Every structure is written in structure tokens, then in C-alpha cells.
PDB file of N, CA and C in Angstrom:
ATOM      1  N   UNK A   1       0.818  -1.189   0.000  1.00  0.00           N
ATOM      2  CA  UNK A   1       0.000   0.000   0.000  1.00  0.00           C
ATOM      3  C   UNK A   1       0.862   1.253   0.000  1.00  0.00           C
ATOM      4  N   UNK A   2       1.907   1.289   0.813  1.00  0.00           N
ATOM      5  CA  UNK A   2       2.857   2.407   0.848  1.00  0.00           C
ATOM      6  C   UNK A   2       4.249   1.887   0.520  1.00  0.00           C
ATOM      7  N   UNK A   3       4.924   2.580  -0.417  1.00  0.00           N
ATOM      8  CA  UNK A   3       6.280   2.188  -0.805  1.00  0.00           C
ATOM      9  C   UNK A   3       7.156   3.432  -0.895  1.00  0.00           C
ATOM     10  N   UNK A   4       8.427   3.331  -0.547  1.00  0.00           N
ATOM     11  CA  UNK A   4       9.329   4.469  -0.740  1.00  0.00           C
ATOM     12  C   UNK A   4       9.405   4.832  -2.224  1.00  0.00           C
ATOM     13  N   UNK A   5       9.456   6.130  -2.504  1.00  0.00           N
ATOM     14  CA  UNK A   5       9.526   6.617  -3.880  1.00  0.00           C
ATOM     15  C   UNK A   5      10.091   8.026  -3.869  1.00  0.00           C
ATOM     16  N   UNK A   6      11.201   8.238  -4.554  1.00  0.00           N
ATOM     17  CA  UNK A   6      11.883   9.533  -4.600  1.00  0.00           C
ATOM     18  C   UNK A   6      12.055  10.103  -3.198  1.00  0.00           C
ATOM     19  N   UNK A   7      11.571  11.349  -2.969  1.00  0.00           N
ATOM     20  CA  UNK A   7      11.704  11.977  -1.636  1.00  0.00           C
ATOM     21  C   UNK A   7      10.436  11.811  -0.817  1.00  0.00           C
ATOM     22  N   UNK A   8       9.710  10.725  -1.039  1.00  0.00           N
ATOM     23  CA  UNK A   8       8.458  10.510  -0.315  1.00  0.00           C
ATOM     24  C   UNK A   8       7.994   9.078  -0.439  1.00  0.00           C
ATOM     25  N   UNK A   9       6.689   8.926  -0.677  1.00  0.00           N
ATOM     26  CA  UNK A   9       6.078   7.596  -0.727  1.00  0.00           C
ATOM     27  C   UNK A   9       5.115   7.488  -1.892  1.00  0.00           C
ATOM     28  N   UNK A  10       4.868   6.247  -2.317  1.00  0.00           N
ATOM     29  CA  UNK A  10       3.801   5.954  -3.257  1.00  0.00           C
ATOM     30  C   UNK A  10       2.680   5.295  -2.481  1.00  0.00           C
ATOM     31  N   UNK A  11       1.488   5.820  -2.613  1.00  0.00           N
ATOM     32  CA  UNK A  11       0.300   5.260  -1.985  1.00  0.00           C
ATOM     33  C   UNK A  11      -0.542   4.624  -3.083  1.00  0.00           C
ATOM     34  N   UNK A  12      -0.821   3.331  -2.939  1.00  0.00           N
ATOM     35  CA  UNK A  12      -1.683   2.630  -3.890  1.00  0.00           C
ATOM     36  C   UNK A  12      -3.124   2.817  -3.436  1.00  0.00           C
ATOM     37  N   UNK A  13      -3.983   3.288  -4.354  1.00  0.00           N
ATOM     38  CA  UNK A  13      -5.375   3.619  -4.037  1.00  0.00           C
ATOM     39  C   UNK A  13      -6.309   2.886  -4.982  1.00  0.00           C
ATOM     40  N   UNK A  14      -7.410   2.381  -4.435  1.00  0.00           N
ATOM     41  CA  UNK A  14      -8.526   1.871  -5.236  1.00  0.00           C
ATOM     42  C   UNK A  14      -9.656   2.871  -5.041  1.00  0.00           C
ATOM     43  N   UNK A  15     -10.028   3.565  -6.106  1.00  0.00           N
ATOM     44  CA  UNK A  15     -10.990   4.658  -6.026  1.00  0.00           C
ATOM     45  C   UNK A  15     -12.381   4.205  -6.446  1.00  0.00           C
ATOM     46  N   UNK A  16     -13.373   4.600  -5.645  1.00  0.00           N
ATOM     47  CA  UNK A  16     -14.776   4.348  -5.979  1.00  0.00           C
ATOM     48  C   UNK A  16     -15.446   5.706  -6.172  1.00  0.00           C
ATOM     49  N   UNK A  17     -15.632   6.139  -7.441  1.00  0.00           N
ATOM     50  CA  UNK A  17     -16.292   7.430  -7.694  1.00  0.00           C
ATOM     51  C   UNK A  17     -17.807   7.317  -7.550  1.00  0.00           C
ATOM     52  N   UNK A  18     -18.477   8.459  -7.544  1.00  0.00           N
ATOM     53  CA  UNK A  18     -19.941   8.554  -7.431  1.00  0.00           C
ATOM     54  C   UNK A  18     -20.486   7.858  -6.190  1.00  0.00           C
ATOM     55  N   UNK A  19     -19.776   7.966  -5.092  1.00  0.00           N
ATOM     56  CA  UNK A  19     -20.222   7.373  -3.829  1.00  0.00           C
ATOM     57  C   UNK A  19     -21.146   8.359  -3.106  1.00  0.00           C
ATOM     58  N   UNK A  20     -21.757   7.906  -2.027  1.00  0.00           N
ATOM     59  CA  UNK A  20     -22.650   8.769  -1.248  1.00  0.00           C
ATOM     60  C   UNK A  20     -21.887   9.828  -0.470  1.00  0.00           C
ATOM     61  N   UNK A  21     -20.663   9.482  -0.048  1.00  0.00           N
ATOM     62  CA  UNK A  21     -19.855  10.457   0.684  1.00  0.00           C
ATOM     63  C   UNK A  21     -18.377  10.188   0.458  1.00  0.00           C
ATOM     64  N   UNK A  22     -17.554  11.198   0.773  1.00  0.00           N
ATOM     65  CA  UNK A  22     -16.100  11.083   0.661  1.00  0.00           C
ATOM     66  C   UNK A  22     -15.573  10.423   1.928  1.00  0.00           C
ATOM     67  N   UNK A  23     -14.902   9.263   1.767  1.00  0.00           N
ATOM     68  CA  UNK A  23     -14.376   8.568   2.945  1.00  0.00           C
ATOM     69  C   UNK A  23     -13.350   7.513   2.561  1.00  0.00           C
ATOM     70  N   UNK A  24     -12.520   7.180   3.542  1.00  0.00           N
ATOM     71  CA  UNK A  24     -11.612   6.038   3.432  1.00  0.00           C
ATOM     72  C   UNK A  24     -12.380   4.835   3.931  1.00  0.00           C
ATOM     73  N   UNK A  25     -12.444   3.792   3.114  1.00  0.00           N
ATOM     74  CA  UNK A  25     -13.238   2.614   3.467  1.00  0.00           C
ATOM     75  C   UNK A  25     -12.405   1.435   3.957  1.00  0.00           C
ATOM     76  N   UNK A  26     -11.103   1.585   4.013  1.00  0.00           N
ATOM     77  CA  UNK A  26     -10.255   0.480   4.449  1.00  0.00           C
ATOM     78  C   UNK A  26      -9.309   0.070   3.347  1.00  0.00           C
ATOM     79  N   UNK A  27      -9.035  -1.229   3.273  1.00  0.00           N
ATOM     80  CA  UNK A  27      -8.115  -1.715   2.251  1.00  0.00           C
ATOM     81  C   UNK A  27      -8.850  -2.639   1.286  1.00  0.00           C
ATOM     82  N   UNK A  28      -8.306  -2.732   0.080  1.00  0.00           N
ATOM     83  CA  UNK A  28      -8.877  -3.594  -0.949  1.00  0.00           C
ATOM     84  C   UNK A  28      -7.743  -4.039  -1.858  1.00  0.00           C
ATOM     85  N   UNK A  29      -7.490  -5.309  -1.917  1.00  0.00           N
ATOM     86  CA  UNK A  29      -6.470  -5.891  -2.802  1.00  0.00           C
ATOM     87  C   UNK A  29      -5.121  -5.177  -2.682  1.00  0.00           C
ATOM     88  N   UNK A  30      -4.679  -4.907  -1.462  1.00  0.00           N
ATOM     89  CA  UNK A  30      -3.382  -4.285  -1.241  1.00  0.00           C
ATOM     90  C   UNK A  30      -3.348  -2.788  -1.448  1.00  0.00           C
ATOM     91  N   UNK A  31      -4.513  -2.176  -1.614  1.00  0.00           N
ATOM     92  CA  UNK A  31      -4.612  -0.730  -1.823  1.00  0.00           C
ATOM     93  C   UNK A  31      -5.522  -0.118  -0.765  1.00  0.00           C
ATOM     94  N   UNK A  32      -5.416   1.186  -0.617  1.00  0.00           N
ATOM     95  CA  UNK A  32      -6.316   1.925   0.252  1.00  0.00           C
ATOM     96  C   UNK A  32      -7.579   2.224  -0.545  1.00  0.00           C
ATOM     97  N   UNK A  33      -8.735   1.789  -0.069  1.00  0.00           N
ATOM     98  CA  UNK A  33      -9.992   2.017  -0.783  1.00  0.00           C
ATOM     99  C   UNK A  33     -10.589   3.340  -0.332  1.00  0.00           C
ATOM    100  N   UNK A  34     -10.819   4.237  -1.298  1.00  0.00           N
ATOM    101  CA  UNK A  34     -11.370   5.557  -1.024  1.00  0.00           C
ATOM    102  C   UNK A  34     -12.604   5.758  -1.887  1.00  0.00           C
ATOM    103  N   UNK A  35     -13.693   6.205  -1.263  1.00  0.00           N
ATOM    104  CA  UNK A  35     -14.923   6.540  -1.967  1.00  0.00           C
ATOM    105  C   UNK A  35     -15.047   8.048  -2.040  1.00  0.00           C
ATOM    106  N   UNK A  36     -15.446   8.543  -3.216  1.00  0.00           N
ATOM    107  CA  UNK A  36     -15.629   9.976  -3.416  1.00  0.00           C
ATOM    108  C   UNK A  36     -16.940  10.239  -4.146  1.00  0.00           C
ATOM    109  N   UNK A  37     -17.558  11.367  -3.849  1.00  0.00           N
ATOM    110  CA  UNK A  37     -18.798  11.762  -4.510  1.00  0.00           C
ATOM    111  C   UNK A  37     -18.575  12.184  -5.957  1.00  0.00           C
ATOM    112  N   UNK A  38     -17.397  12.612  -6.298  1.00  0.00           N
ATOM    113  CA  UNK A  38     -17.099  13.137  -7.638  1.00  0.00           C
ATOM    114  C   UNK A  38     -17.287  12.068  -8.715  1.00  0.00           C
ATOM    115  N   UNK A  39     -17.791  12.479  -9.896  1.00  0.00           N
ATOM    116  CA  UNK A  39     -17.929  11.529 -11.002  1.00  0.00           C
ATOM    117  C   UNK A  39     -16.598  11.331 -11.724  1.00  0.00           C
ATOM    118  N   UNK A  40     -16.444  10.178 -12.390  1.00  0.00           N
ATOM    119  CA  UNK A  40     -15.185   9.899 -13.097  1.00  0.00           C
ATOM    120  C   UNK A  40     -15.160  10.478 -14.512  1.00  0.00           C
ATOM    121  N   UNK A  41     -15.450  11.761 -14.640  1.00  0.00           N
ATOM    122  CA  UNK A  41     -15.447  12.402 -15.956  1.00  0.00           C
ATOM    123  C   UNK A  41     -14.558  13.639 -15.933  1.00  0.00           C
ATOM    124  N   UNK A  42     -13.837  13.837 -17.018  1.00  0.00           N
ATOM    125  CA  UNK A  42     -12.997  15.018 -17.203  1.00  0.00           C
ATOM    126  C   UNK A  42     -12.026  15.276 -16.037  1.00  0.00           C
ATOM    127  N   UNK A  43     -11.543  14.220 -15.418  1.00  0.00           N
ATOM    128  CA  UNK A  43     -10.563  14.354 -14.349  1.00  0.00           C
ATOM    129  C   UNK A  43     -11.120  14.824 -13.017  1.00  0.00           C
ATOM    130  N   UNK A  44     -12.444  14.917 -12.891  1.00  0.00           N
ATOM    131  CA  UNK A  44     -13.043  15.422 -11.648  1.00  0.00           C
ATOM    132  C   UNK A  44     -12.760  14.513 -10.455  1.00  0.00           C
ATOM    133  N   UNK A  45     -12.851  13.197 -10.649  1.00  0.00           N
ATOM    134  CA  UNK A  45     -12.584  12.270  -9.550  1.00  0.00           C
ATOM    135  C   UNK A  45     -11.108  12.310  -9.160  1.00  0.00           C
ATOM    136  N   UNK A  46     -10.219  12.432 -10.143  1.00  0.00           N
ATOM    137  CA  UNK A  46      -8.790  12.505  -9.836  1.00  0.00           C
ATOM    138  C   UNK A  46      -8.476  13.749  -9.019  1.00  0.00           C
ATOM    139  N   UNK A  47      -8.999  14.886  -9.425  1.00  0.00           N
ATOM    140  CA  UNK A  47      -8.746  16.128  -8.688  1.00  0.00           C
ATOM    141  C   UNK A  47      -9.370  16.066  -7.294  1.00  0.00           C
ATOM    142  N   UNK A  48     -10.567  15.501  -7.194  1.00  0.00           N
ATOM    143  CA  UNK A  48     -11.220  15.352  -5.888  1.00  0.00           C
ATOM    144  C   UNK A  48     -10.393  14.446  -4.975  1.00  0.00           C
ATOM    145  N   UNK A  49      -9.810  13.389  -5.545  1.00  0.00           N
ATOM    146  CA  UNK A  49      -8.966  12.480  -4.770  1.00  0.00           C
ATOM    147  C   UNK A  49      -7.756  13.209  -4.206  1.00  0.00           C
ATOM    148  N   UNK A  50      -7.079  13.987  -5.050  1.00  0.00           N
ATOM    149  CA  UNK A  50      -5.893  14.711  -4.591  1.00  0.00           C
ATOM    150  C   UNK A  50      -6.257  15.751  -3.518  1.00  0.00           C
ATOM    151  N   UNK A  51      -7.364  16.438  -3.685  1.00  0.00           N
ATOM    152  CA  UNK A  51      -7.807  17.410  -2.672  1.00  0.00           C
ATOM    153  C   UNK A  51      -8.170  16.713  -1.368  1.00  0.00           C
ATOM    154  N   UNK A  52      -8.859  15.574  -1.464  1.00  0.00           N
ATOM    155  CA  UNK A  52      -9.236  14.795  -0.286  1.00  0.00           C
ATOM    156  C   UNK A  52      -7.999  14.344   0.483  1.00  0.00           C
ATOM    157  N   UNK A  53      -7.026  13.780  -0.241  1.00  0.00           N
ATOM    158  CA  UNK A  53      -5.802  13.316   0.411  1.00  0.00           C
ATOM    159  C   UNK A  53      -4.990  14.475   0.983  1.00  0.00           C
ATOM    160  N   UNK A  54      -4.923  15.590   0.276  1.00  0.00           N
ATOM    161  CA  UNK A  54      -4.186  16.758   0.777  1.00  0.00           C
ATOM    162  C   UNK A  54      -4.781  17.232   2.099  1.00  0.00           C
ATOM    163  N   UNK A  55      -6.095  17.251   2.175  1.00  0.00           N
ATOM    164  CA  UNK A  55      -6.763  17.681   3.413  1.00  0.00           C
ATOM    165  C   UNK A  55      -6.504  16.690   4.544  1.00  0.00           C
ATOM    166  N   UNK A  56      -6.656  15.394   4.260  1.00  0.00           N
ATOM    167  CA  UNK A  56      -6.435  14.368   5.296  1.00  0.00           C
ATOM    168  C   UNK A  56      -4.984  14.327   5.762  1.00  0.00           C
ATOM    169  N   UNK A  57      -4.060  14.566   4.833  1.00  0.00           N
ATOM    170  CA  UNK A  57      -2.630  14.525   5.169  1.00  0.00           C
ATOM    171  C   UNK A  57      -2.106  15.863   5.675  1.00  0.00           C
ATOM    172  N   UNK A  58      -2.928  16.902   5.610  1.00  0.00           N
ATOM    173  CA  UNK A  58      -2.545  18.257   6.014  1.00  0.00           C
ATOM    174  C   UNK A  58      -1.301  18.704   5.244  1.00  0.00           C
ATOM    175  N   UNK A  59      -1.385  18.547   3.906  1.00  0.00           N
ATOM    176  CA  UNK A  59      -0.300  18.913   2.995  1.00  0.00           C
ATOM    177  C   UNK A  59      -0.849  19.838   1.915  1.00  0.00           C
ATOM    178  N   UNK A  60      -0.003  20.687   1.346  1.00  0.00           N
ATOM    179  CA  UNK A  60      -0.440  21.444   0.167  1.00  0.00           C
ATOM    180  C   UNK A  60      -0.716  20.478  -0.987  1.00  0.00           C
ATOM    181  N   UNK A  61      -1.707  20.760  -1.782  1.00  0.00           N
ATOM    182  CA  UNK A  61      -2.092  19.919  -2.919  1.00  0.00           C
ATOM    183  C   UNK A  61      -0.915  19.682  -3.869  1.00  0.00           C
ATOM    184  N   UNK A  62      -0.021  20.646  -4.001  1.00  0.00           N
ATOM    185  CA  UNK A  62       1.111  20.514  -4.940  1.00  0.00           C
ATOM    186  C   UNK A  62       2.099  19.421  -4.529  1.00  0.00           C
ATOM    187  N   UNK A  63       2.002  18.903  -3.303  1.00  0.00           N
ATOM    188  CA  UNK A  63       2.912  17.839  -2.849  1.00  0.00           C
ATOM    189  C   UNK A  63       2.354  16.443  -3.097  1.00  0.00           C
ATOM    190  N   UNK A  64       1.245  16.372  -3.839  1.00  0.00           N
ATOM    191  CA  UNK A  64       0.638  15.097  -4.221  1.00  0.00           C
ATOM    192  C   UNK A  64       0.510  15.041  -5.738  1.00  0.00           C
ATOM    193  N   UNK A  65       0.753  13.853  -6.304  1.00  0.00           N
ATOM    194  CA  UNK A  65       0.661  13.708  -7.754  1.00  0.00           C
ATOM    195  C   UNK A  65       0.259  12.275  -8.098  1.00  0.00           C
ATOM    196  N   UNK A  66      -0.628  12.141  -9.060  1.00  0.00           N
ATOM    197  CA  UNK A  66      -0.980  10.813  -9.562  1.00  0.00           C
ATOM    198  C   UNK A  66       0.104  10.414 -10.565  1.00  0.00           C
ATOM    199  N   UNK A  67       0.822   9.332 -10.267  1.00  0.00           N
ATOM    200  CA  UNK A  67       1.902   8.906 -11.161  1.00  0.00           C
ATOM    201  C   UNK A  67       1.477   7.771 -12.098  1.00  0.00           C
ATOM    202  N   UNK A  68       0.399   7.068 -11.756  1.00  0.00           N
ATOM    203  CA  UNK A  68      -0.148   6.063 -12.676  1.00  0.00           C
ATOM    204  C   UNK A  68      -1.620   5.842 -12.349  1.00  0.00           C
ATOM    205  N   UNK A  69      -2.378   5.447 -13.377  1.00  0.00           N
ATOM    206  CA  UNK A  69      -3.786   5.143 -13.188  1.00  0.00           C
ATOM    207  C   UNK A  69      -4.736   6.305 -13.401  1.00  0.00           C
ATOM    208  N   UNK A  70      -4.370   7.264 -14.236  1.00  0.00           N
ATOM    209  CA  UNK A  70      -5.240   8.428 -14.459  1.00  0.00           C
ATOM    210  C   UNK A  70      -6.647   8.040 -14.913  1.00  0.00           C
ATOM    211  N   UNK A  71      -6.782   6.967 -15.689  1.00  0.00           N
ATOM    212  CA  UNK A  71      -8.095   6.558 -16.186  1.00  0.00           C
ATOM    213  C   UNK A  71      -8.570   5.242 -15.580  1.00  0.00           C
ATOM    214  N   UNK A  72      -7.953   4.838 -14.501  1.00  0.00           N
ATOM    215  CA  UNK A  72      -8.268   3.569 -13.849  1.00  0.00           C
ATOM    216  C   UNK A  72      -8.742   3.808 -12.420  1.00  0.00           C
ATOM    217  N   UNK A  73      -9.388   2.817 -11.845  1.00  0.00           N
ATOM    218  CA  UNK A  73      -9.753   2.914 -10.424  1.00  0.00           C
ATOM    219  C   UNK A  73      -8.522   2.729  -9.537  1.00  0.00           C
ATOM    220  N   UNK A  74      -7.560   1.952 -10.031  1.00  0.00           N
ATOM    221  CA  UNK A  74      -6.309   1.745  -9.281  1.00  0.00           C
ATOM    222  C   UNK A  74      -5.322   2.838  -9.646  1.00  0.00           C
ATOM    223  N   UNK A  75      -4.861   3.549  -8.640  1.00  0.00           N
ATOM    224  CA  UNK A  75      -3.968   4.686  -8.864  1.00  0.00           C
ATOM    225  C   UNK A  75      -2.773   4.612  -7.923  1.00  0.00           C
ATOM    226  N   UNK A  76      -1.673   5.172  -8.354  1.00  0.00           N
ATOM    227  CA  UNK A  76      -0.491   5.334  -7.513  1.00  0.00           C
ATOM    228  C   UNK A  76      -0.321   6.829  -7.288  1.00  0.00           C
ATOM    229  N   UNK A  77      -0.335   7.227  -6.028  1.00  0.00           N
ATOM    230  CA  UNK A  77      -0.241   8.634  -5.658  1.00  0.00           C
ATOM    231  C   UNK A  77       1.112   8.876  -4.994  1.00  0.00           C
ATOM    232  N   UNK A  78       1.866   9.840  -5.539  1.00  0.00           N
ATOM    233  CA  UNK A  78       3.139  10.234  -4.942  1.00  0.00           C
ATOM    234  C   UNK A  78       2.860  11.263  -3.857  1.00  0.00           C
ATOM    235  N   UNK A  79       3.351  10.982  -2.650  1.00  0.00           N
ATOM    236  CA  UNK A  79       3.233  11.893  -1.506  1.00  0.00           C
ATOM    237  C   UNK A  79       4.639  12.363  -1.182  1.00  0.00           C
ATOM    238  N   UNK A  80       4.883  13.632  -1.376  1.00  0.00           N
ATOM    239  CA  UNK A  80       6.214  14.193  -1.182  1.00  0.00           C
ATOM    240  C   UNK A  80       6.419  14.669   0.252  1.00  0.00           C
ATOM    241  N   UNK A  81       7.529  14.217   0.857  1.00  0.00           N
ATOM    242  CA  UNK A  81       8.007  14.801   2.098  1.00  0.00           C
ATOM    243  C   UNK A  81       7.395  14.330   3.401  1.00  0.00           C
ATOM    244  N   UNK A  82       6.706  13.185   3.420  1.00  0.00           N
ATOM    245  CA  UNK A  82       6.197  12.651   4.687  1.00  0.00           C
ATOM    246  C   UNK A  82       6.727  11.241   4.899  1.00  0.00           C
ATOM    247  N   UNK A  83       6.999  10.906   6.147  1.00  0.00           N
ATOM    248  CA  UNK A  83       7.441   9.555   6.488  1.00  0.00           C
ATOM    249  C   UNK A  83       6.232   8.614   6.515  1.00  0.00           C
ATOM    250  N   UNK A  84       6.487   7.325   6.316  1.00  0.00           N
ATOM    251  CA  UNK A  84       5.417   6.338   6.256  1.00  0.00           C
ATOM    252  C   UNK A  84       4.567   6.324   7.524  1.00  0.00           C
ATOM    253  N   UNK A  85       5.202   6.366   8.694  1.00  0.00           N
ATOM    254  CA  UNK A  85       4.423   6.323   9.936  1.00  0.00           C
ATOM    255  C   UNK A  85       3.517   7.550  10.080  1.00  0.00           C
ATOM    256  N   UNK A  86       3.967   8.694   9.577  1.00  0.00           N
ATOM    257  CA  UNK A  86       3.160   9.912   9.641  1.00  0.00           C
ATOM    258  C   UNK A  86       1.973   9.841   8.678  1.00  0.00           C
ATOM    259  N   UNK A  87       2.190   9.289   7.489  1.00  0.00           N
ATOM    260  CA  UNK A  87       1.104   9.108   6.527  1.00  0.00           C
ATOM    261  C   UNK A  87       0.055   8.150   7.119  1.00  0.00           C
ATOM    262  N   UNK A  88       0.509   7.043   7.688  1.00  0.00           N
ATOM    263  CA  UNK A  88      -0.419   6.087   8.300  1.00  0.00           C
ATOM    264  C   UNK A  88      -1.217   6.732   9.431  1.00  0.00           C
ATOM    265  N   UNK A  89      -0.569   7.538  10.253  1.00  0.00           N
ATOM    266  CA  UNK A  89      -1.256   8.195  11.362  1.00  0.00           C
ATOM    267  C   UNK A  89      -2.305   9.168  10.854  1.00  0.00           C
ATOM    268  N   UNK A  90      -1.925   9.986   9.877  1.00  0.00           N
ATOM    269  CA  UNK A  90      -2.844  11.014   9.378  1.00  0.00           C
ATOM    270  C   UNK A  90      -4.022  10.416   8.609  1.00  0.00           C
ATOM    271  N   UNK A  91      -3.805   9.279   7.945  1.00  0.00           N
ATOM    272  CA  UNK A  91      -4.897   8.632   7.215  1.00  0.00           C
ATOM    273  C   UNK A  91      -5.675   7.638   8.080  1.00  0.00           C
ATOM    274  N   UNK A  92      -5.144   7.326   9.252  1.00  0.00           N
ATOM    275  CA  UNK A  92      -5.818   6.385  10.137  1.00  0.00           C
ATOM    276  C   UNK A  92      -5.756   4.953   9.650  1.00  0.00           C
ATOM    277  N   UNK A  93      -4.617   4.583   9.052  1.00  0.00           N
ATOM    278  CA  UNK A  93      -4.483   3.205   8.535  1.00  0.00           C
ATOM    279  C   UNK A  93      -3.356   2.475   9.245  1.00  0.00           C
TER     280      UNK A  93
END
């Protein structure tokens, strides 16, 4: 779910768009399962995911980037500048 990558970590995410509410639902197939209200059109779900994670991690949005899975439910998110234990604490995982 979390792997070292450059000056931070890669977070593997399984995204469920068009959900009833924005929330972390636990783990799914080795990834963090996140539900978001945003629809999967025109990058809206991707941007909503990055904003959601930035808020939960208390980081500026510019320190998060989708490195793979732009059009997939499975995504790899680069988190710059946080240690693994701090990411786990802030996300509650």
C-alpha cells in the first residue's frame, strides 16, 4: 500500500467514484480504498482524490501527484516529504 519513492512515498489507491460520501473505506487488494462523490469524468474524480488526500494529510495539494492510473480505479499517488508512519497516522491506517 505504501512504498518508498523519490523523496516521499507511493500510496496505492482503489478509487470508488460517485459514492454517497467522501471517505476512506479500508483496504482492498493491497490498496487503500477511497470513496468519493465526484464523477469519473474530465478528471473530476482525480482532482477530488488529490484534494481529499491533501486535506487528510494536512499537505499542500502541490505535494501530491498521480503517477499512474489516471483513467483507472487503481492509482499510484506520490506523496512528497512525509514519512510512512506519519502518513499512516494522518490517514488512520
